[in-house]
Amino acid sequence: MKSRKASDLRSLSTQEIEGFLKESEESIVRLRFQAALGQLDDTSTVKTMRKDIARMKTILTERKKLSN
């Protein structure tokens, strides 16, 4: 899985980022279950997803601080 770049995320609207964030959080839960059951082939996808989620949350926090 390819990670999302911060510059690409910044060009999206807040609603789009929130949508991607929700999808990513649901996806990481499924990946963790697969890893626990030994069904996950590429375990680096969990790390990539965690970083993407952190990147999205950072951008949302920055936007929130700028709007205040």
N, C-alpha and C. Protein backbone atom coordinates (compact mmCIF):
# COMPACT_ATOMS: atom_id res chain seq x y z
N MET A 1 0.83 -1.18 0.00
CA MET A 1 0.00 0.00 0.00
C MET A 1 0.88 1.24 0.00
N LYS A 2 0.50 2.18 -0.82
CA LYS A 2 1.27 3.41 -0.94
C LYS A 2 0.70 4.46 0.01
N SER A 3 1.58 5.15 0.71
CA SER A 3 1.11 6.14 1.67
C SER A 3 0.68 7.41 0.95
N ARG A 4 -0.18 8.16 1.61
CA ARG A 4 -0.65 9.43 1.06
C ARG A 4 0.32 10.53 1.46
N LYS A 5 0.61 11.40 0.53
CA LYS A 5 1.52 12.50 0.81
C LYS A 5 0.75 13.64 1.47
N ALA A 6 1.42 14.35 2.35
CA ALA A 6 0.79 15.47 3.05
C ALA A 6 0.34 16.54 2.05
N SER A 7 1.12 16.77 1.02
CA SER A 7 0.76 17.80 0.04
C SER A 7 -0.52 17.42 -0.71
N ASP A 8 -0.70 16.12 -0.97
CA ASP A 8 -1.93 15.67 -1.62
C ASP A 8 -3.12 15.82 -0.68
N LEU A 9 -2.92 15.52 0.59
CA LEU A 9 -4.00 15.64 1.56
C LEU A 9 -4.39 17.08 1.79
N ARG A 10 -3.42 17.99 1.79
CA ARG A 10 -3.71 19.41 2.02
C ARG A 10 -4.57 20.00 0.90
N SER A 11 -4.51 19.44 -0.29
CA SER A 11 -5.31 19.95 -1.40
C SER A 11 -6.77 19.50 -1.32
N LEU A 12 -7.07 18.55 -0.43
CA LEU A 12 -8.45 18.07 -0.26
C LEU A 12 -9.21 18.94 0.73
N SER A 13 -10.53 18.86 0.65
CA SER A 13 -11.35 19.60 1.61
C SER A 13 -11.35 18.87 2.95
N THR A 14 -11.77 19.57 3.98
CA THR A 14 -11.81 18.99 5.32
C THR A 14 -12.75 17.79 5.36
N GLN A 15 -13.88 17.87 4.68
CA GLN A 15 -14.83 16.76 4.67
C GLN A 15 -14.24 15.54 3.98
N GLU A 16 -13.49 15.74 2.92
CA GLU A 16 -12.87 14.62 2.22
C GLU A 16 -11.82 13.94 3.11
N ILE A 17 -11.04 14.74 3.81
CA ILE A 17 -10.03 14.19 4.70
C ILE A 17 -10.69 13.40 5.82
N GLU A 18 -11.78 13.96 6.39
CA GLU A 18 -12.50 13.25 7.45
C GLU A 18 -13.05 11.93 6.94
N GLY A 19 -13.51 11.89 5.70
CA GLY A 19 -14.00 10.65 5.10
C GLY A 19 -12.89 9.62 4.95
N PHE A 20 -11.74 10.07 4.43
CA PHE A 20 -10.59 9.17 4.30
C PHE A 20 -10.13 8.68 5.67
N LEU A 21 -10.18 9.56 6.66
CA LEU A 21 -9.75 9.20 8.01
C LEU A 21 -10.64 8.10 8.58
N LYS A 22 -11.94 8.24 8.40
CA LYS A 22 -12.87 7.22 8.90
C LYS A 22 -12.64 5.88 8.20
N GLU A 23 -12.46 5.92 6.89
CA GLU A 23 -12.19 4.68 6.14
C GLU A 23 -10.89 4.03 6.60
N SER A 24 -9.88 4.85 6.81
CA SER A 24 -8.57 4.33 7.22
C SER A 24 -8.63 3.71 8.60
N GLU A 25 -9.36 4.35 9.52
CA GLU A 25 -9.47 3.80 10.86
C GLU A 25 -10.20 2.46 10.86
N GLU A 26 -11.22 2.34 10.01
CA GLU A 26 -11.94 1.07 9.90
C GLU A 26 -11.04 0.01 9.25
N SER A 27 -10.27 0.43 8.28
CA SER A 27 -9.39 -0.49 7.57
C SER A 27 -8.27 -1.01 8.48
N ILE A 28 -7.73 -0.15 9.33
CA ILE A 28 -6.63 -0.59 10.19
C ILE A 28 -7.11 -1.61 11.22
N VAL A 29 -8.36 -1.52 11.63
CA VAL A 29 -8.91 -2.51 12.55
C VAL A 29 -8.94 -3.88 11.87
N ARG A 30 -9.40 -3.90 10.62
CA ARG A 30 -9.43 -5.16 9.87
C ARG A 30 -8.02 -5.71 9.66
N LEU A 31 -7.08 -4.83 9.36
CA LEU A 31 -5.69 -5.27 9.16
C LEU A 31 -5.11 -5.85 10.44
N ARG A 32 -5.41 -5.25 11.57
CA ARG A 32 -4.89 -5.75 12.84
C ARG A 32 -5.46 -7.14 13.16
N PHE A 33 -6.74 -7.34 12.84
CA PHE A 33 -7.33 -8.67 13.05
C PHE A 33 -6.66 -9.70 12.15
N GLN A 34 -6.44 -9.32 10.89
CA GLN A 34 -5.78 -10.23 9.97
C GLN A 34 -4.37 -10.56 10.46
N ALA A 35 -3.66 -9.56 10.98
CA ALA A 35 -2.31 -9.79 11.48
C ALA A 35 -2.33 -10.72 12.68
N ALA A 36 -3.32 -10.54 13.56
CA ALA A 36 -3.41 -11.38 14.75
C ALA A 36 -3.73 -12.84 14.39
N LEU A 37 -4.50 -13.02 13.33
CA LEU A 37 -4.86 -14.36 12.89
C LEU A 37 -3.81 -14.98 11.97
N GLY A 38 -2.80 -14.20 11.62
CA GLY A 38 -1.75 -14.71 10.74
C GLY A 38 -2.14 -14.73 9.28
N GLN A 39 -3.16 -13.98 8.91
CA GLN A 39 -3.63 -13.97 7.54
C GLN A 39 -3.07 -12.81 6.73
N LEU A 40 -2.36 -11.90 7.38
CA LEU A 40 -1.84 -10.72 6.71
C LEU A 40 -0.47 -11.03 6.11
N ASP A 41 -0.36 -10.86 4.79
CA ASP A 41 0.89 -11.17 4.11
C ASP A 41 1.92 -10.06 4.29
N ASP A 42 1.50 -8.82 4.10
CA ASP A 42 2.41 -7.68 4.18
C ASP A 42 2.12 -6.89 5.45
N THR A 43 2.88 -7.14 6.48
CA THR A 43 2.62 -6.49 7.77
C THR A 43 3.00 -5.02 7.79
N SER A 44 3.72 -4.56 6.79
CA SER A 44 4.09 -3.15 6.75
C SER A 44 2.89 -2.25 6.43
N THR A 45 1.79 -2.83 5.93
CA THR A 45 0.62 -2.02 5.64
C THR A 45 0.03 -1.42 6.90
N VAL A 46 0.14 -2.10 8.03
CA VAL A 46 -0.37 -1.56 9.30
C VAL A 46 0.40 -0.30 9.66
N LYS A 47 1.70 -0.34 9.51
CA LYS A 47 2.54 0.82 9.83
C LYS A 47 2.22 1.98 8.88
N THR A 48 2.05 1.68 7.62
CA THR A 48 1.73 2.71 6.63
C THR A 48 0.39 3.36 6.94
N MET A 49 -0.59 2.55 7.31
CA MET A 49 -1.92 3.08 7.65
C MET A 49 -1.86 3.97 8.88
N ARG A 50 -1.09 3.54 9.89
CA ARG A 50 -0.96 4.35 11.11
C ARG A 50 -0.37 5.72 10.79
N LYS A 51 0.63 5.73 9.94
CA LYS A 51 1.25 7.00 9.56
C LYS A 51 0.30 7.88 8.76
N ASP A 52 -0.48 7.27 7.87
CA ASP A 52 -1.46 8.03 7.10
C ASP A 52 -2.51 8.65 8.02
N ILE A 53 -2.98 7.87 9.00
CA ILE A 53 -3.97 8.37 9.95
C ILE A 53 -3.40 9.54 10.74
N ALA A 54 -2.17 9.41 11.19
CA ALA A 54 -1.52 10.49 11.94
C ALA A 54 -1.38 11.73 11.07
N ARG A 55 -1.02 11.54 9.81
CA ARG A 55 -0.87 12.66 8.88
C ARG A 55 -2.19 13.39 8.69
N MET A 56 -3.28 12.64 8.53
CA MET A 56 -4.60 13.25 8.35
C MET A 56 -5.04 14.00 9.60
N LYS A 57 -4.81 13.40 10.77
CA LYS A 57 -5.19 14.06 12.02
C LYS A 57 -4.39 15.34 12.22
N THR A 58 -3.12 15.33 11.83
CA THR A 58 -2.28 16.53 11.95
C THR A 58 -2.81 17.65 11.08
N ILE A 59 -3.17 17.35 9.86
CA ILE A 59 -3.69 18.36 8.94
C ILE A 59 -5.01 18.92 9.46
N LEU A 60 -5.88 18.04 9.97
CA LEU A 60 -7.15 18.52 10.51
C LEU A 60 -6.93 19.42 11.72
N THR A 61 -5.97 19.07 12.57
CA THR A 61 -5.67 19.89 13.74
C THR A 61 -5.12 21.25 13.32
N GLU A 62 -4.25 21.27 12.32
CA GLU A 62 -3.71 22.52 11.81
C GLU A 62 -4.82 23.42 11.30
N ARG A 63 -5.75 22.84 10.56
CA ARG A 63 -6.87 23.63 10.01
C ARG A 63 -7.75 24.16 11.13
N LYS A 64 -7.95 23.36 12.15
CA LYS A 64 -8.78 23.79 13.26
C LYS A 64 -8.14 24.98 13.99
N LYS A 65 -6.83 24.92 14.19
CA LYS A 65 -6.12 26.00 14.86
C LYS A 65 -6.13 27.28 14.03
N LEU A 66 -6.04 27.16 12.71
CA LEU A 66 -6.04 28.32 11.85
C LEU A 66 -7.40 28.99 11.78
N SER A 67 -8.46 28.21 11.95
CA SER A 67 -9.81 28.78 11.86
C SER A 67 -10.21 29.52 13.14
N ASN A 68 -9.50 29.29 14.24
CA ASN A 68 -9.83 29.98 15.51
C ASN A 68 -9.25 31.34 15.58
